[in-house]
C-alpha cells in the first residue's frame, strides 16, 4: 500500500451498531434516567473498536473513507486500507487541472490480506495527471458490514454490550472496598475472529 495513503473519514455511519434499547435490555435497565450515560458509554465502546484507529482495524456500520495516491499503479492494484468494501470511486486531477472521475465499469474490487485491492481494467488508458499535485488521485469507498445494526456480526454486538455493561456497572478504574477478582475477558474472545493485525 502507498505509505502516504492514510485513510480519512468522509462520511460517518448513520447509526450505531447496537441500539441504546438493546444495551438497556442487556443491562436489565427499565428506566430512562441514564439513557444519556448509556449512550456515551456505547459511543466510547464503538470508537474503541471501529475505524482506522479502532482495535478491530475495520468498520462496523457502512461509512465512507478516502485515500489519496501520488499516481496510477504500474502493475499492482491500488491498495486500500480497509476490508469489507462494497463500492469505490476514483477521481483524479487531470493534466489541465480539471477534476475527472473514472468510469466504475473499469474497476474491480478484491479482498486481500492487507485490506482490499482495487484493480483497473487492462483496457483502461491511464490519463495524464496534474504534475503539480503531490496526490492527484483520490479513492472514496464505502466500507463496513452493512447499513443496519443487524448486518454487524452478532459476536461483535455481544462484545459491545459487555463493554458497555462493564463501564456502566464499574464506572471507575478502581473500586474501593471490593474483593479483587479476575473477570473473564469474554468480549475479547468474541472479537478475536474479527480483529485485523496490520503492520
N, C-alpha and C. Protein backbone atom coordinates (compact mmCIF):
# COMPACT_ATOMS: atom_id res chain seq x y z
N UNK A 1 0.83 -1.19 0.00
CA UNK A 1 0.00 0.00 0.00
C UNK A 1 0.87 1.25 0.00
N UNK A 2 0.47 2.26 -0.74
CA UNK A 2 1.15 3.54 -0.75
C UNK A 2 1.22 4.06 0.67
N UNK A 3 2.44 4.27 1.19
CA UNK A 3 2.59 4.65 2.59
C UNK A 3 2.02 6.03 2.89
N UNK A 4 1.75 6.83 1.86
CA UNK A 4 1.20 8.16 2.10
C UNK A 4 -0.33 8.14 2.11
N UNK A 5 -0.93 7.02 1.77
CA UNK A 5 -2.38 6.99 1.58
C UNK A 5 -3.12 6.59 2.85
N UNK A 6 -2.92 7.38 3.92
CA UNK A 6 -3.63 7.14 5.17
C UNK A 6 -5.11 7.49 4.95
N UNK A 7 -6.03 6.61 5.32
CA UNK A 7 -7.44 6.89 5.07
C UNK A 7 -7.98 8.02 5.93
N UNK A 8 -8.92 8.77 5.35
CA UNK A 8 -9.59 9.88 6.03
C UNK A 8 -11.09 9.64 5.98
N UNK A 9 -11.75 9.80 7.11
CA UNK A 9 -13.19 9.61 7.16
C UNK A 9 -13.90 10.77 6.46
N UNK A 10 -14.76 10.44 5.51
CA UNK A 10 -15.52 11.46 4.77
C UNK A 10 -16.98 11.51 5.21
N UNK A 11 -17.59 10.36 5.42
CA UNK A 11 -18.99 10.29 5.86
C UNK A 11 -19.11 9.28 6.99
N UNK A 12 -19.51 9.75 8.16
CA UNK A 12 -19.64 8.87 9.32
C UNK A 12 -20.83 7.94 9.17
N UNK A 13 -20.85 6.83 9.89
CA UNK A 13 -22.00 5.92 9.82
C UNK A 13 -23.27 6.60 10.30
N UNK A 14 -24.40 6.21 9.73
CA UNK A 14 -25.68 6.85 10.04
C UNK A 14 -26.27 6.38 11.36
N UNK A 15 -25.79 5.26 11.89
CA UNK A 15 -26.33 4.72 13.13
C UNK A 15 -25.23 3.98 13.88
N UNK A 16 -25.50 3.63 15.11
CA UNK A 16 -24.57 2.84 15.90
C UNK A 16 -24.84 1.35 15.67
N UNK A 17 -23.84 0.50 15.86
CA UNK A 17 -24.02 -0.93 15.59
C UNK A 17 -24.89 -1.65 16.63
N UNK A 18 -25.16 -1.01 17.76
CA UNK A 18 -26.04 -1.55 18.79
C UNK A 18 -26.92 -0.40 19.27
N UNK A 19 -28.19 -0.62 19.47
CA UNK A 19 -29.09 0.44 19.91
C UNK A 19 -29.04 0.60 21.43
N UNK A 20 -29.41 1.79 21.89
CA UNK A 20 -29.49 2.02 23.34
C UNK A 20 -30.52 1.08 23.96
N UNK A 21 -31.60 0.82 23.24
CA UNK A 21 -32.63 -0.10 23.75
C UNK A 21 -32.06 -1.50 23.98
N UNK A 22 -31.23 -1.97 23.06
CA UNK A 22 -30.61 -3.30 23.22
C UNK A 22 -29.64 -3.31 24.39
N UNK A 23 -28.90 -2.21 24.57
CA UNK A 23 -27.98 -2.11 25.71
C UNK A 23 -28.77 -2.15 27.01
N UNK A 24 -29.87 -1.42 27.08
CA UNK A 24 -30.69 -1.40 28.30
C UNK A 24 -31.27 -2.78 28.59
N UNK A 25 -31.67 -3.49 27.55
CA UNK A 25 -32.16 -4.85 27.75
C UNK A 25 -31.06 -5.74 28.31
N UNK A 26 -29.85 -5.57 27.80
CA UNK A 26 -28.71 -6.34 28.29
C UNK A 26 -28.42 -6.01 29.75
N UNK A 27 -28.57 -4.75 30.12
CA UNK A 27 -28.29 -4.31 31.48
C UNK A 27 -29.47 -4.52 32.43
N UNK A 28 -30.61 -4.94 31.88
CA UNK A 28 -31.85 -5.06 32.67
C UNK A 28 -32.21 -3.72 33.31
N UNK A 29 -32.07 -2.66 32.54
CA UNK A 29 -32.44 -1.30 32.98
C UNK A 29 -33.77 -0.96 32.32
N UNK A 30 -34.79 -0.67 33.14
CA UNK A 30 -36.12 -0.39 32.60
C UNK A 30 -36.57 1.05 32.87
N UNK A 31 -35.61 1.95 33.12
CA UNK A 31 -35.92 3.36 33.32
C UNK A 31 -35.06 4.19 32.37
N UNK A 32 -35.44 5.46 32.17
CA UNK A 32 -34.80 6.30 31.16
C UNK A 32 -33.79 7.29 31.72
N UNK A 33 -33.62 7.34 33.03
CA UNK A 33 -32.79 8.37 33.66
C UNK A 33 -31.35 8.36 33.16
N UNK A 34 -30.83 7.17 32.85
CA UNK A 34 -29.42 7.05 32.49
C UNK A 34 -29.19 6.85 30.99
N UNK A 35 -30.19 7.17 30.18
CA UNK A 35 -30.06 6.95 28.73
C UNK A 35 -28.86 7.69 28.14
N UNK A 36 -28.66 8.95 28.53
CA UNK A 36 -27.54 9.72 28.00
C UNK A 36 -26.21 9.11 28.42
N UNK A 37 -26.13 8.64 29.65
CA UNK A 37 -24.90 8.00 30.14
C UNK A 37 -24.64 6.71 29.37
N UNK A 38 -25.68 5.91 29.19
CA UNK A 38 -25.53 4.64 28.45
C UNK A 38 -25.09 4.92 27.02
N UNK A 39 -25.68 5.94 26.39
CA UNK A 39 -25.30 6.27 25.01
C UNK A 39 -23.84 6.73 24.93
N UNK A 40 -23.38 7.47 25.94
CA UNK A 40 -21.98 7.90 25.93
C UNK A 40 -21.04 6.72 26.07
N UNK A 41 -21.40 5.75 26.92
CA UNK A 41 -20.58 4.54 27.05
C UNK A 41 -20.62 3.72 25.76
N UNK A 42 -21.78 3.67 25.12
CA UNK A 42 -21.91 2.95 23.85
C UNK A 42 -21.03 3.58 22.78
N UNK A 43 -21.06 4.89 22.68
CA UNK A 43 -20.21 5.59 21.70
C UNK A 43 -18.74 5.34 21.98
N UNK A 44 -18.36 5.33 23.27
CA UNK A 44 -16.97 5.07 23.64
C UNK A 44 -16.55 3.66 23.26
N UNK A 45 -17.42 2.69 23.49
CA UNK A 45 -17.10 1.30 23.15
C UNK A 45 -16.94 1.13 21.65
N UNK A 46 -17.85 1.75 20.88
CA UNK A 46 -17.77 1.65 19.42
C UNK A 46 -16.50 2.30 18.90
N UNK A 47 -16.16 3.48 19.42
CA UNK A 47 -14.96 4.18 18.95
C UNK A 47 -13.70 3.40 19.28
N UNK A 48 -13.76 2.60 20.33
CA UNK A 48 -12.62 1.74 20.69
C UNK A 48 -12.38 0.67 19.63
N UNK A 49 -13.45 0.23 18.95
CA UNK A 49 -13.35 -0.88 18.01
C UNK A 49 -13.31 -0.44 16.56
N UNK A 50 -13.99 0.64 16.22
CA UNK A 50 -14.34 0.97 14.85
C UNK A 50 -13.36 1.93 14.18
N UNK A 51 -13.17 1.76 12.87
CA UNK A 51 -12.44 2.74 12.07
C UNK A 51 -10.93 2.55 12.05
N UNK A 52 -10.25 3.54 11.50
CA UNK A 52 -8.80 3.47 11.28
C UNK A 52 -8.02 3.29 12.58
N UNK A 53 -8.46 3.97 13.63
CA UNK A 53 -7.75 3.88 14.91
C UNK A 53 -8.38 2.86 15.86
N UNK A 54 -9.42 2.19 15.42
CA UNK A 54 -10.09 1.22 16.28
C UNK A 54 -9.32 -0.07 16.44
N UNK A 55 -9.62 -0.78 17.48
CA UNK A 55 -8.91 -2.02 17.81
C UNK A 55 -9.09 -3.10 16.75
N UNK A 56 -10.26 -3.14 16.11
CA UNK A 56 -10.51 -4.17 15.09
C UNK A 56 -9.88 -3.84 13.74
N UNK A 57 -9.50 -2.57 13.54
CA UNK A 57 -8.91 -2.12 12.26
C UNK A 57 -9.87 -2.36 11.09
N UNK A 58 -11.14 -2.16 11.33
CA UNK A 58 -12.15 -2.28 10.29
C UNK A 58 -13.35 -1.45 10.72
N UNK A 59 -14.33 -1.31 9.82
CA UNK A 59 -15.53 -0.53 10.12
C UNK A 59 -16.71 -1.45 10.35
N UNK A 60 -17.62 -1.02 11.21
CA UNK A 60 -18.77 -1.84 11.56
C UNK A 60 -19.98 -1.48 10.69
N UNK A 61 -20.59 -0.33 10.93
CA UNK A 61 -21.67 0.16 10.08
C UNK A 61 -21.05 0.89 8.88
N UNK A 62 -21.65 0.77 7.71
CA UNK A 62 -21.11 1.39 6.49
C UNK A 62 -20.78 2.87 6.69
N UNK A 63 -19.63 3.26 6.18
CA UNK A 63 -19.14 4.63 6.24
C UNK A 63 -18.20 4.86 5.07
N UNK A 64 -17.98 6.12 4.72
CA UNK A 64 -17.17 6.44 3.55
C UNK A 64 -15.81 6.99 3.99
N UNK A 65 -14.77 6.40 3.43
CA UNK A 65 -13.40 6.84 3.69
C UNK A 65 -12.75 7.21 2.35
N UNK A 66 -11.66 7.97 2.45
CA UNK A 66 -10.94 8.38 1.24
C UNK A 66 -9.44 8.23 1.44
N UNK A 67 -8.78 7.76 0.40
CA UNK A 67 -7.32 7.70 0.37
C UNK A 67 -6.81 8.45 -0.85
N UNK A 68 -5.63 9.06 -0.70
CA UNK A 68 -5.01 9.82 -1.78
C UNK A 68 -3.75 9.10 -2.24
N UNK A 69 -3.50 9.16 -3.55
CA UNK A 69 -2.34 8.47 -4.14
C UNK A 69 -1.58 9.44 -5.04
N UNK A 70 -0.28 9.17 -5.17
CA UNK A 70 0.58 10.07 -5.94
C UNK A 70 0.50 9.80 -7.45
N UNK A 71 -0.09 8.68 -7.85
CA UNK A 71 -0.18 8.39 -9.28
C UNK A 71 -0.91 7.08 -9.53
N UNK A 72 -0.92 6.67 -10.78
CA UNK A 72 -1.53 5.39 -11.13
C UNK A 72 -0.58 4.25 -10.78
N UNK A 73 -1.10 3.11 -10.37
CA UNK A 73 -0.22 1.96 -10.09
C UNK A 73 0.38 1.43 -11.39
N UNK A 74 1.60 0.94 -11.30
CA UNK A 74 2.26 0.41 -12.50
C UNK A 74 1.72 -0.98 -12.84
N UNK A 75 1.90 -1.91 -11.93
CA UNK A 75 1.45 -3.29 -12.14
C UNK A 75 0.47 -3.70 -11.04
N UNK A 76 0.81 -3.37 -9.81
CA UNK A 76 -0.02 -3.74 -8.67
C UNK A 76 -1.31 -2.91 -8.65
N UNK A 77 -2.34 -3.39 -7.98
CA UNK A 77 -3.57 -2.61 -7.85
C UNK A 77 -3.42 -1.51 -6.80
N UNK A 78 -4.40 -0.65 -6.69
CA UNK A 78 -4.45 0.28 -5.57
C UNK A 78 -4.70 -0.54 -4.31
N UNK A 79 -3.91 -0.26 -3.27
CA UNK A 79 -4.08 -0.96 -2.00
C UNK A 79 -4.92 -0.08 -1.08
N UNK A 80 -6.11 -0.54 -0.75
CA UNK A 80 -6.99 0.18 0.14
C UNK A 80 -6.89 -0.42 1.53
N UNK A 81 -6.87 0.43 2.53
CA UNK A 81 -6.53 0.01 3.89
C UNK A 81 -7.58 -0.90 4.52
N UNK A 82 -8.86 -0.65 4.23
CA UNK A 82 -9.93 -1.39 4.89
C UNK A 82 -10.38 -2.62 4.09
N UNK A 83 -10.89 -3.64 4.78
CA UNK A 83 -11.61 -4.73 4.11
C UNK A 83 -13.09 -4.37 4.01
N UNK A 84 -13.90 -5.31 3.58
CA UNK A 84 -15.36 -5.17 3.57
C UNK A 84 -15.83 -3.95 2.78
N UNK A 85 -15.20 -3.70 1.62
CA UNK A 85 -15.57 -2.55 0.80
C UNK A 85 -16.66 -2.97 -0.19
N UNK A 86 -17.74 -2.19 -0.23
CA UNK A 86 -18.86 -2.53 -1.11
C UNK A 86 -18.83 -1.74 -2.41
N UNK A 87 -18.28 -0.54 -2.42
CA UNK A 87 -18.16 0.23 -3.66
C UNK A 87 -17.06 1.27 -3.51
N UNK A 88 -16.50 1.64 -4.66
CA UNK A 88 -15.39 2.60 -4.68
C UNK A 88 -15.51 3.51 -5.89
N UNK A 89 -14.97 4.70 -5.76
CA UNK A 89 -14.97 5.67 -6.85
C UNK A 89 -13.61 6.36 -6.91
N UNK A 90 -13.00 6.38 -8.10
CA UNK A 90 -11.71 7.06 -8.29
C UNK A 90 -11.96 8.40 -8.96
N UNK A 91 -11.40 9.44 -8.37
CA UNK A 91 -11.38 10.76 -9.01
C UNK A 91 -9.92 11.19 -9.13
N UNK A 92 -9.64 12.03 -10.11
CA UNK A 92 -8.26 12.46 -10.31
C UNK A 92 -8.23 13.86 -10.92
N UNK A 93 -7.12 14.54 -10.67
CA UNK A 93 -6.93 15.86 -11.27
C UNK A 93 -6.10 15.67 -12.54
N UNK A 94 -6.69 16.04 -13.63
CA UNK A 94 -6.06 15.81 -14.94
C UNK A 94 -4.93 16.80 -15.20
N UNK A 95 -4.25 16.56 -16.28
CA UNK A 95 -3.09 17.38 -16.65
C UNK A 95 -3.45 18.86 -16.75
N UNK A 96 -4.67 19.17 -17.21
CA UNK A 96 -5.08 20.57 -17.36
C UNK A 96 -5.74 21.15 -16.11
N UNK A 97 -5.73 20.37 -15.01
CA UNK A 97 -6.26 20.86 -13.75
C UNK A 97 -7.72 20.54 -13.50
N UNK A 98 -8.40 19.89 -14.42
CA UNK A 98 -9.79 19.53 -14.23
C UNK A 98 -9.96 18.31 -13.34
N UNK A 99 -11.08 18.24 -12.64
CA UNK A 99 -11.36 17.10 -11.79
C UNK A 99 -12.22 16.10 -12.57
N UNK A 100 -11.73 14.87 -12.72
CA UNK A 100 -12.40 13.84 -13.51
C UNK A 100 -12.67 12.62 -12.65
N UNK A 101 -13.58 11.78 -13.11
CA UNK A 101 -13.87 10.52 -12.43
C UNK A 101 -13.68 9.35 -13.39
N UNK A 102 -13.21 8.24 -12.82
CA UNK A 102 -13.03 7.02 -13.60
C UNK A 102 -14.37 6.29 -13.66
N UNK A 103 -14.72 5.81 -14.83
CA UNK A 103 -15.96 5.04 -15.01
C UNK A 103 -15.93 3.81 -14.10
N UNK A 104 -16.93 3.64 -13.22
CA UNK A 104 -16.94 2.49 -12.31
C UNK A 104 -16.88 1.14 -13.02
N UNK A 105 -17.27 1.09 -14.29
CA UNK A 105 -17.28 -0.20 -15.01
C UNK A 105 -15.88 -0.75 -15.24
N UNK A 106 -14.84 0.07 -15.10
CA UNK A 106 -13.47 -0.42 -15.32
C UNK A 106 -12.78 -0.76 -13.99
N UNK A 107 -13.55 -0.73 -12.89
CA UNK A 107 -12.99 -1.01 -11.57
C UNK A 107 -13.42 -2.39 -11.09
N UNK A 108 -12.53 -3.05 -10.38
CA UNK A 108 -12.84 -4.36 -9.79
C UNK A 108 -12.22 -4.44 -8.41
N UNK A 109 -13.05 -4.76 -7.41
CA UNK A 109 -12.59 -4.88 -6.03
C UNK A 109 -12.30 -6.34 -5.69
N UNK A 110 -11.26 -6.54 -4.88
CA UNK A 110 -10.94 -7.89 -4.40
C UNK A 110 -10.37 -7.78 -3.00
N UNK A 111 -10.70 -8.73 -2.14
CA UNK A 111 -10.14 -8.74 -0.80
C UNK A 111 -8.68 -9.13 -0.82
N UNK A 112 -7.92 -8.67 0.17
CA UNK A 112 -6.51 -9.04 0.30
C UNK A 112 -6.16 -9.09 1.77
N UNK A 113 -5.00 -9.66 2.07
CA UNK A 113 -4.58 -9.75 3.46
C UNK A 113 -4.30 -8.36 4.04
N UNK A 114 -4.06 -7.38 3.20
CA UNK A 114 -3.77 -6.03 3.67
C UNK A 114 -5.02 -5.16 3.76
N UNK A 115 -6.13 -5.61 3.24
CA UNK A 115 -7.35 -4.82 3.25
C UNK A 115 -8.18 -5.14 2.04
N UNK A 116 -8.05 -4.31 0.99
CA UNK A 116 -8.74 -4.56 -0.28
C UNK A 116 -7.86 -4.08 -1.43
N UNK A 117 -7.99 -4.74 -2.56
CA UNK A 117 -7.28 -4.34 -3.77
C UNK A 117 -8.30 -3.80 -4.77
N UNK A 118 -7.97 -2.68 -5.39
CA UNK A 118 -8.83 -2.10 -6.41
C UNK A 118 -8.06 -2.12 -7.73
N UNK A 119 -8.59 -2.92 -8.67
CA UNK A 119 -7.94 -3.10 -9.96
C UNK A 119 -8.58 -2.21 -11.02
N UNK A 120 -7.75 -1.74 -11.93
CA UNK A 120 -8.21 -1.05 -13.13
C UNK A 120 -8.17 -2.03 -14.29
N UNK A 121 -9.19 -2.01 -15.13
CA UNK A 121 -9.21 -2.89 -16.30
C UNK A 121 -8.00 -2.62 -17.18
N UNK A 122 -7.45 -3.68 -17.78
CA UNK A 122 -6.28 -3.53 -18.64
C UNK A 122 -6.57 -2.65 -19.84
N UNK A 123 -7.83 -2.57 -20.20
CA UNK A 123 -8.22 -1.75 -21.36
C UNK A 123 -8.27 -0.26 -21.03
N UNK A 124 -8.18 0.08 -19.74
CA UNK A 124 -8.29 1.48 -19.33
C UNK A 124 -6.99 2.22 -19.64
N UNK A 125 -7.08 3.27 -20.46
CA UNK A 125 -5.91 4.08 -20.79
C UNK A 125 -5.68 5.09 -19.68
N UNK A 126 -4.53 5.01 -19.03
CA UNK A 126 -4.26 5.87 -17.88
C UNK A 126 -4.12 7.32 -18.31
N UNK A 127 -4.98 8.20 -17.82
CA UNK A 127 -4.89 9.63 -18.19
C UNK A 127 -3.66 10.27 -17.56
N UNK A 128 -3.17 11.32 -18.18
CA UNK A 128 -2.06 12.07 -17.61
C UNK A 128 -2.58 12.91 -16.45
N UNK A 129 -1.79 12.97 -15.39
CA UNK A 129 -2.20 13.64 -14.16
C UNK A 129 -1.54 15.01 -14.03
N UNK A 130 -2.09 15.82 -13.15
CA UNK A 130 -1.53 17.14 -12.86
C UNK A 130 -0.22 16.96 -12.10
N UNK A 131 0.87 17.27 -12.74
CA UNK A 131 2.20 17.05 -12.16
C UNK A 131 2.47 17.97 -10.97
N UNK A 132 1.69 19.04 -10.84
CA UNK A 132 1.90 19.99 -9.75
C UNK A 132 1.31 19.49 -8.43
N UNK A 133 0.47 18.48 -8.51
CA UNK A 133 -0.18 17.95 -7.31
C UNK A 133 0.57 16.74 -6.78
N UNK A 134 0.79 16.73 -5.46
CA UNK A 134 1.50 15.61 -4.84
C UNK A 134 0.66 14.34 -4.86
N UNK A 135 -0.64 14.48 -4.66
CA UNK A 135 -1.55 13.32 -4.64
C UNK A 135 -2.76 13.63 -5.51
N UNK A 136 -2.61 13.51 -6.82
CA UNK A 136 -3.71 13.88 -7.72
C UNK A 136 -4.83 12.84 -7.84
N UNK A 137 -4.60 11.63 -7.31
CA UNK A 137 -5.60 10.56 -7.40
C UNK A 137 -6.22 10.32 -6.03
N UNK A 138 -7.55 10.34 -5.97
CA UNK A 138 -8.26 10.08 -4.72
C UNK A 138 -9.28 8.97 -4.93
N UNK A 139 -9.35 8.10 -3.94
CA UNK A 139 -10.32 7.00 -3.99
C UNK A 139 -11.22 7.09 -2.77
N UNK A 140 -12.51 7.27 -3.02
CA UNK A 140 -13.51 7.25 -1.96
C UNK A 140 -14.21 5.90 -2.00
N UNK A 141 -14.40 5.31 -0.83
CA UNK A 141 -15.02 3.98 -0.81
C UNK A 141 -15.87 3.79 0.44
N UNK A 142 -16.88 2.93 0.30
CA UNK A 142 -17.77 2.58 1.40
C UNK A 142 -17.30 1.27 2.00
N UNK A 143 -17.11 1.26 3.31
CA UNK A 143 -16.63 0.07 4.00
C UNK A 143 -17.44 -0.17 5.26
N UNK A 144 -17.69 -1.43 5.55
CA UNK A 144 -18.47 -1.80 6.72
C UNK A 144 -19.21 -3.09 6.46
N UNK A 145 -19.85 -3.62 7.49
CA UNK A 145 -20.60 -4.86 7.34
C UNK A 145 -21.96 -4.63 6.70
N UNK A 146 -22.48 -3.40 6.75
CA UNK A 146 -23.77 -3.10 6.18
C UNK A 146 -24.32 -1.81 6.74
N UNK A 147 -25.56 -1.48 6.34
CA UNK A 147 -26.18 -0.21 6.74
C UNK A 147 -26.85 -0.28 8.11
N UNK A 148 -27.24 -1.47 8.55
CA UNK A 148 -28.06 -1.60 9.75
C UNK A 148 -27.33 -2.41 10.84
N UNK A 149 -27.72 -2.21 12.11
CA UNK A 149 -27.09 -2.96 13.20
C UNK A 149 -27.15 -4.48 13.01
N UNK A 150 -28.24 -4.98 12.42
CA UNK A 150 -28.34 -6.43 12.23
C UNK A 150 -27.34 -6.97 11.21
N UNK A 151 -26.70 -6.08 10.44
CA UNK A 151 -25.68 -6.52 9.49
C UNK A 151 -24.34 -6.81 10.18
N UNK A 152 -24.15 -6.26 11.38
CA UNK A 152 -22.91 -6.45 12.13
C UNK A 152 -22.93 -7.83 12.77
N UNK A 153 -21.83 -8.60 12.69
CA UNK A 153 -21.81 -9.93 13.29
C UNK A 153 -22.28 -9.92 14.75
N UNK A 154 -23.06 -10.92 15.11
CA UNK A 154 -23.65 -10.98 16.45
C UNK A 154 -22.58 -10.97 17.55
N UNK A 155 -21.43 -11.60 17.28
CA UNK A 155 -20.38 -11.65 18.29
C UNK A 155 -19.85 -10.25 18.61
N UNK A 156 -19.74 -9.39 17.60
CA UNK A 156 -19.28 -8.02 17.83
C UNK A 156 -20.33 -7.26 18.63
N UNK A 157 -21.61 -7.42 18.27
CA UNK A 157 -22.67 -6.77 19.03
C UNK A 157 -22.67 -7.21 20.49
N UNK A 158 -22.47 -8.51 20.72
CA UNK A 158 -22.43 -9.03 22.09
C UNK A 158 -21.25 -8.45 22.86
N UNK A 159 -20.10 -8.33 22.19
CA UNK A 159 -18.91 -7.77 22.84
C UNK A 159 -19.14 -6.31 23.22
N UNK A 160 -19.78 -5.55 22.35
CA UNK A 160 -20.07 -4.15 22.66
C UNK A 160 -20.98 -4.05 23.87
N UNK A 161 -21.99 -4.91 23.95
CA UNK A 161 -22.88 -4.91 25.12
C UNK A 161 -22.10 -5.20 26.40
N UNK A 162 -21.17 -6.16 26.34
CA UNK A 162 -20.36 -6.48 27.52
C UNK A 162 -19.48 -5.31 27.92
N UNK A 163 -18.90 -4.64 26.93
CA UNK A 163 -18.04 -3.49 27.22
C UNK A 163 -18.82 -2.37 27.88
N UNK A 164 -20.01 -2.08 27.34
CA UNK A 164 -20.86 -1.04 27.94
C UNK A 164 -21.31 -1.46 29.33
N UNK A 165 -21.65 -2.74 29.50
CA UNK A 165 -22.06 -3.24 30.80
C UNK A 165 -20.97 -3.06 31.84
N UNK A 166 -19.73 -3.31 31.44
CA UNK A 166 -18.62 -3.13 32.38
C UNK A 166 -18.48 -1.66 32.77
N UNK A 167 -18.54 -0.75 31.79
CA UNK A 167 -18.41 0.67 32.09
C UNK A 167 -19.57 1.16 32.96
N UNK A 168 -20.77 0.67 32.66
CA UNK A 168 -21.95 1.12 33.39
C UNK A 168 -21.93 0.65 34.84
N UNK A 169 -21.49 -0.59 35.07
CA UNK A 169 -21.53 -1.16 36.42
C UNK A 169 -20.31 -0.80 37.26
N UNK A 170 -19.15 -0.56 36.62
CA UNK A 170 -17.94 -0.24 37.37
C UNK A 170 -17.79 1.27 37.57
N UNK A 171 -17.91 2.03 36.50
CA UNK A 171 -17.86 3.49 36.49
C UNK A 171 -16.48 4.08 36.82
N UNK A 172 -15.64 3.36 37.53
CA UNK A 172 -14.30 3.84 37.87
C UNK A 172 -13.28 2.74 37.57
N UNK A 173 -11.98 3.15 37.43
CA UNK A 173 -10.93 2.17 37.20
C UNK A 173 -10.73 1.25 38.41
N UNK A 174 -10.88 1.82 39.62
CA UNK A 174 -10.65 1.06 40.85
C UNK A 174 -11.87 1.22 41.74
N UNK A 175 -12.35 0.10 42.28
CA UNK A 175 -13.47 0.13 43.22
C UNK A 175 -12.93 -0.13 44.61
N UNK A 176 -13.05 0.85 45.50
CA UNK A 176 -12.53 0.73 46.86
C UNK A 176 -13.46 -0.14 47.70
N UNK A 177 -12.85 -1.04 48.51
CA UNK A 177 -13.63 -1.84 49.44
C UNK A 177 -14.18 -3.11 48.84
N UNK A 178 -13.79 -3.44 47.61
CA UNK A 178 -14.27 -4.66 46.99
C UNK A 178 -13.16 -5.70 46.94
N UNK A 179 -13.55 -6.95 46.91
CA UNK A 179 -12.58 -8.02 46.78
C UNK A 179 -12.15 -8.11 45.32
N UNK A 180 -10.86 -8.17 45.10
CA UNK A 180 -10.33 -8.24 43.74
C UNK A 180 -10.60 -9.63 43.16
N UNK A 181 -11.24 -9.67 42.00
CA UNK A 181 -11.49 -10.93 41.32
C UNK A 181 -11.08 -10.80 39.87
N UNK A 182 -10.78 -11.92 39.26
CA UNK A 182 -10.44 -11.92 37.84
C UNK A 182 -11.72 -12.07 37.03
N UNK A 183 -11.92 -11.13 36.10
CA UNK A 183 -13.11 -11.17 35.25
C UNK A 183 -12.74 -11.79 33.91
N UNK A 184 -13.45 -12.83 33.46
CA UNK A 184 -13.15 -13.44 32.15
C UNK A 184 -13.29 -12.42 31.04
N UNK A 185 -12.38 -12.43 30.10
CA UNK A 185 -12.38 -11.46 29.00
C UNK A 185 -13.27 -11.98 27.87
N UNK A 186 -14.56 -12.11 28.16
CA UNK A 186 -15.49 -12.66 27.17
C UNK A 186 -15.57 -11.81 25.93
N UNK A 187 -15.52 -10.48 26.12
CA UNK A 187 -15.62 -9.59 24.96
C UNK A 187 -14.43 -9.78 24.02
N UNK A 188 -13.24 -9.97 24.58
CA UNK A 188 -12.06 -10.19 23.74
C UNK A 188 -12.20 -11.50 22.96
N UNK A 189 -12.75 -12.52 23.60
CA UNK A 189 -12.98 -13.80 22.94
C UNK A 189 -13.94 -13.63 21.77
N UNK A 190 -14.99 -12.84 21.96
CA UNK A 190 -15.97 -12.60 20.90
C UNK A 190 -15.36 -11.84 19.73
N UNK A 191 -14.46 -10.92 20.01
CA UNK A 191 -13.91 -10.05 18.98
C UNK A 191 -12.77 -10.68 18.20
N UNK A 192 -12.13 -11.68 18.77
CA UNK A 192 -10.89 -12.21 18.20
C UNK A 192 -11.00 -12.58 16.72
N UNK A 193 -12.06 -13.24 16.26
CA UNK A 193 -12.11 -13.64 14.83
C UNK A 193 -12.19 -12.45 13.87
N UNK A 194 -12.57 -11.27 14.38
CA UNK A 194 -12.77 -10.11 13.51
C UNK A 194 -11.66 -9.08 13.61
N UNK A 195 -10.68 -9.35 14.47
CA UNK A 195 -9.58 -8.40 14.66
C UNK A 195 -8.54 -8.57 13.56
N UNK A 196 -8.21 -7.47 12.89
CA UNK A 196 -7.15 -7.49 11.89
C UNK A 196 -5.83 -7.09 12.53
N UNK A 197 -4.75 -7.69 12.08
CA UNK A 197 -3.42 -7.33 12.55
C UNK A 197 -2.69 -6.66 11.39
N UNK A 198 -2.53 -5.35 11.51
CA UNK A 198 -1.97 -4.55 10.43
C UNK A 198 -0.61 -4.04 10.86
N UNK A 199 0.40 -4.27 9.98
CA UNK A 199 1.75 -3.79 10.29
C UNK A 199 2.05 -2.58 9.43
